[in-house]
Amino acid sequence: MQDRHSLRDLTIIYQQTDKLTPRPTNARTHSKKQIEQIAQAIRRFGFTNPILIDQDNGVIAGHGRLAAAKRIGLSRVPTVRLADMTEAENPRLCHCRQQACGERRLGQAAAGP
C-alpha cells in the first residue's frame, strides 16, 4: 500500500522571489561564500533544482537557492508546491534530505572523504 506522498505528480511553478517566505526555523544556514557558490552554479548551469514550498509560499527546502537567486537579480524561480504536507512533516522532510545529502545542522562539520 502506498501512502499519499509516494507517487504524486509534481508541477514546476515559477514564483516571484519576493513572494516566497524563508522559514525562520530553518536549521541550515549558508555563509556568504556558499551563497556566492550557489549563485555561480545557477549562472553556469541554470536553476536545476526547484525550491520546495508549502501552501502559503513558505520555503521548505531551498533557502540557499532562493538567497542566491536574489543575489544575482532573478525575479522568478522554479518551485514545487508540497501543499499536502503538514506543518509537522516539513521539518522531517528537511532532516531526511540533509541526512541523504550528507548535510549537517549548524555547528556540525561535514564528514571528510
C-alpha atoms as a PDB file:
ATOM      1  CA  MET A   1       0.000   0.000   0.000  1.00  0.00           C
ATOM      2  CA  GLN A   2       1.323   3.446  -0.913  1.00  0.00           C
ATOM      3  CA  ASP A   3       0.917   6.491   1.249  1.00  0.00           C
ATOM      4  CA  ARG A   4      -0.357   9.815  -0.057  1.00  0.00           C
ATOM      5  CA  HIS A   5       3.161  11.072  -0.854  1.00  0.00           C
ATOM      6  CA  SER A   6       4.577   8.103  -2.769  1.00  0.00           C
ATOM      7  CA  LEU A   7       3.749   8.905  -6.365  1.00  0.00           C
ATOM      8  CA  ARG A   8       2.466  12.447  -6.517  1.00  0.00           C
ATOM      9  CA  ASP A   9       2.598  14.382  -9.759  1.00  0.00           C
ATOM     10  CA  LEU A  10       4.938  17.322  -9.339  1.00  0.00           C
ATOM     11  CA  THR A  11       4.430  20.573 -11.184  1.00  0.00           C
ATOM     12  CA  ILE A  12       7.045  23.265 -11.570  1.00  0.00           C
ATOM     13  CA  ILE A  13       5.548  26.677 -10.821  1.00  0.00           C
ATOM     14  CA  TYR A  14       7.585  29.806 -11.395  1.00  0.00           C
ATOM     15  CA  GLN A  15       7.144  32.153  -8.426  1.00  0.00           C
ATOM     16  CA  GLN A  16       8.292  35.705  -7.798  1.00  0.00           C
ATOM     17  CA  THR A  17      11.230  35.634  -5.374  1.00  0.00           C
ATOM     18  CA  ASP A  18       9.672  38.382  -3.257  1.00  0.00           C
ATOM     19  CA  LYS A  19       6.540  36.246  -2.755  1.00  0.00           C
ATOM     20  CA  LEU A  20       8.475  33.379  -1.110  1.00  0.00           C
ATOM     21  CA  THR A  21       8.965  33.369   2.649  1.00  0.00           C
ATOM     22  CA  PRO A  22      12.062  31.720   4.128  1.00  0.00           C
ATOM     23  CA  ARG A  23      11.224  29.528   7.122  1.00  0.00           C
ATOM     24  CA  PRO A  24      12.549  31.228  10.282  1.00  0.00           C
ATOM     25  CA  THR A  25      13.066  27.820  11.914  1.00  0.00           C
ATOM     26  CA  ASN A  26      15.284  26.567   9.093  1.00  0.00           C
ATOM     27  CA  ALA A  27      18.189  24.799  10.795  1.00  0.00           C
ATOM     28  CA  ARG A  28      20.542  25.119   7.844  1.00  0.00           C
ATOM     29  CA  THR A  29      22.267  28.423   7.206  1.00  0.00           C
ATOM     30  CA  HIS A  30      24.540  29.428   4.361  1.00  0.00           C
ATOM     31  CA  SER A  31      27.607  31.628   4.530  1.00  0.00           C
ATOM     32  CA  LYS A  32      28.093  34.462   2.050  1.00  0.00           C
ATOM     33  CA  LYS A  33      30.690  32.273   0.340  1.00  0.00           C
ATOM     34  CA  GLN A  34      28.195  29.407  -0.040  1.00  0.00           C
ATOM     35  CA  ILE A  35      25.529  31.760  -1.423  1.00  0.00           C
ATOM     36  CA  GLU A  36      28.043  33.045  -3.970  1.00  0.00           C
ATOM     37  CA  GLN A  37      28.980  29.463  -4.942  1.00  0.00           C
ATOM     38  CA  ILE A  38      25.306  28.600  -5.439  1.00  0.00           C
ATOM     39  CA  ALA A  39      24.848  31.809  -7.451  1.00  0.00           C
ATOM     40  CA  GLN A  40      27.795  30.878  -9.678  1.00  0.00           C
ATOM     41  CA  ALA A  41      26.302  27.422 -10.256  1.00  0.00           C
ATOM     42  CA  ILE A  42      22.940  28.959 -11.196  1.00  0.00           C
ATOM     43  CA  ARG A  43      24.676  31.336 -13.613  1.00  0.00           C
ATOM     44  CA  ARG A  44      26.621  28.481 -15.188  1.00  0.00           C
ATOM     45  CA  PHE A  45      24.063  25.659 -15.256  1.00  0.00           C
ATOM     46  CA  GLY A  46      20.732  27.392 -14.753  1.00  0.00           C
ATOM     47  CA  PHE A  47      18.269  26.699 -11.982  1.00  0.00           C
ATOM     48  CA  THR A  48      18.329  22.883 -11.939  1.00  0.00           C
ATOM     49  CA  ASN A  49      16.790  22.187  -8.529  1.00  0.00           C
ATOM     50  CA  PRO A  50      13.420  23.797  -7.724  1.00  0.00           C
ATOM     51  CA  ILE A  51      12.657  25.321  -4.345  1.00  0.00           C
ATOM     52  CA  LEU A  52      10.150  23.301  -2.306  1.00  0.00           C
ATOM     53  CA  ILE A  53       7.350  25.443  -0.882  1.00  0.00           C
ATOM     54  CA  ASP A  54       4.264  24.940   1.247  1.00  0.00           C
ATOM     55  CA  GLN A  55       0.706  26.060   0.552  1.00  0.00           C
ATOM     56  CA  ASP A  56       1.497  29.578   1.842  1.00  0.00           C
ATOM     57  CA  ASN A  57       4.671  30.054  -0.259  1.00  0.00           C
ATOM     58  CA  GLY A  58       6.848  29.281   2.754  1.00  0.00           C
ATOM     59  CA  VAL A  59      10.187  27.746   1.795  1.00  0.00           C
ATOM     60  CA  ILE A  60      10.520  24.140   2.952  1.00  0.00           C
ATOM     61  CA  ALA A  61      13.821  23.470   1.177  1.00  0.00           C
ATOM     62  CA  GLY A  62      15.938  25.736  -0.975  1.00  0.00           C
ATOM     63  CA  HIS A  63      16.760  28.678   1.275  1.00  0.00           C
ATOM     64  CA  GLY A  64      20.273  28.908  -0.182  1.00  0.00           C
ATOM     65  CA  ARG A  65      18.994  28.719  -3.759  1.00  0.00           C
ATOM     66  CA  LEU A  66      16.486  31.490  -3.033  1.00  0.00           C
ATOM     67  CA  ALA A  67      19.160  33.725  -1.483  1.00  0.00           C
ATOM     68  CA  ALA A  68      21.472  33.086  -4.447  1.00  0.00           C
ATOM     69  CA  ALA A  69      18.689  33.845  -6.937  1.00  0.00           C
ATOM     70  CA  LYS A  70      18.018  37.158  -5.208  1.00  0.00           C
ATOM     71  CA  ARG A  71      21.761  37.854  -5.113  1.00  0.00           C
ATOM     72  CA  ILE A  72      22.040  37.594  -8.913  1.00  0.00           C
ATOM     73  CA  GLY A  73      18.830  39.503  -9.526  1.00  0.00           C
ATOM     74  CA  LEU A  74      16.459  36.732 -10.575  1.00  0.00           C
ATOM     75  CA  SER A  75      12.882  37.847 -10.123  1.00  0.00           C
ATOM     76  CA  ARG A  76      11.373  34.365 -10.601  1.00  0.00           C
ATOM     77  CA  VAL A  77      12.473  30.894  -9.551  1.00  0.00           C
ATOM     78  CA  PRO A  78      11.126  27.391 -10.180  1.00  0.00           C
ATOM     79  CA  THR A  79       9.226  25.928  -7.242  1.00  0.00           C
ATOM     80  CA  VAL A  80       7.346  22.745  -6.389  1.00  0.00           C
ATOM     81  CA  ARG A  81       4.395  23.216  -4.067  1.00  0.00           C
ATOM     82  CA  LEU A  82       4.026  20.475  -1.460  1.00  0.00           C
ATOM     83  CA  ALA A  83       0.635  21.682  -0.257  1.00  0.00           C
ATOM     84  CA  ASP A  84      -0.466  18.341   1.142  1.00  0.00           C
ATOM     85  CA  MET A  85       2.346  18.178   3.693  1.00  0.00           C
ATOM     86  CA  THR A  86       1.515  19.063   7.269  1.00  0.00           C
ATOM     87  CA  GLU A  87       3.482  21.592   9.298  1.00  0.00           C
ATOM     88  CA  ALA A  88       4.882  18.684  11.330  1.00  0.00           C
ATOM     89  CA  GLU A  89       6.088  16.881   8.188  1.00  0.00           C
ATOM     90  CA  ASN A  90       8.048  19.820   6.764  1.00  0.00           C
ATOM     91  CA  PRO A  91      10.959  19.655   9.249  1.00  0.00           C
ATOM     92  CA  ARG A  92      11.059  15.872   8.877  1.00  0.00           C
ATOM     93  CA  LEU A  93      11.461  16.232   5.110  1.00  0.00           C
ATOM     94  CA  CYS A  94      14.305  18.713   5.607  1.00  0.00           C
ATOM     95  CA  HIS A  95      16.005  16.403   8.097  1.00  0.00           C
ATOM     96  CA  CYS A  96      15.740  13.422   5.716  1.00  0.00           C
ATOM     97  CA  ARG A  97      17.113  15.500   2.831  1.00  0.00           C
ATOM     98  CA  GLN A  98      20.025  16.719   4.946  1.00  0.00           C
ATOM     99  CA  GLN A  99      20.929  13.183   6.011  1.00  0.00           C
ATOM    100  CA  ALA A 100      20.635  11.852   2.464  1.00  0.00           C
ATOM    101  CA  CYS A 101      22.833  14.657   1.113  1.00  0.00           C
ATOM    102  CA  GLY A 102      25.381  14.419   3.887  1.00  0.00           C
ATOM    103  CA  GLU A 103      24.468  17.899   5.113  1.00  0.00           C
ATOM    104  CA  ARG A 104      24.857  18.839   8.745  1.00  0.00           C
ATOM    105  CA  ARG A 105      22.973  21.070  11.128  1.00  0.00           C
ATOM    106  CA  LEU A 106      24.519  24.263  12.441  1.00  0.00           C
ATOM    107  CA  GLY A 107      27.804  23.767  14.192  1.00  0.00           C
ATOM    108  CA  GLN A 108      28.484  20.311  12.790  1.00  0.00           C
ATOM    109  CA  ALA A 109      31.294  19.649  10.373  1.00  0.00           C
ATOM    110  CA  ALA A 110      30.683  17.527   7.321  1.00  0.00           C
ATOM    111  CA  ALA A 111      32.443  14.185   7.220  1.00  0.00           C
ATOM    112  CA  GLY A 112      35.590  14.098   5.133  1.00  0.00           C
ATOM    113  CA  PRO A 113      36.140  11.895   2.074  1.00  0.00           C
END
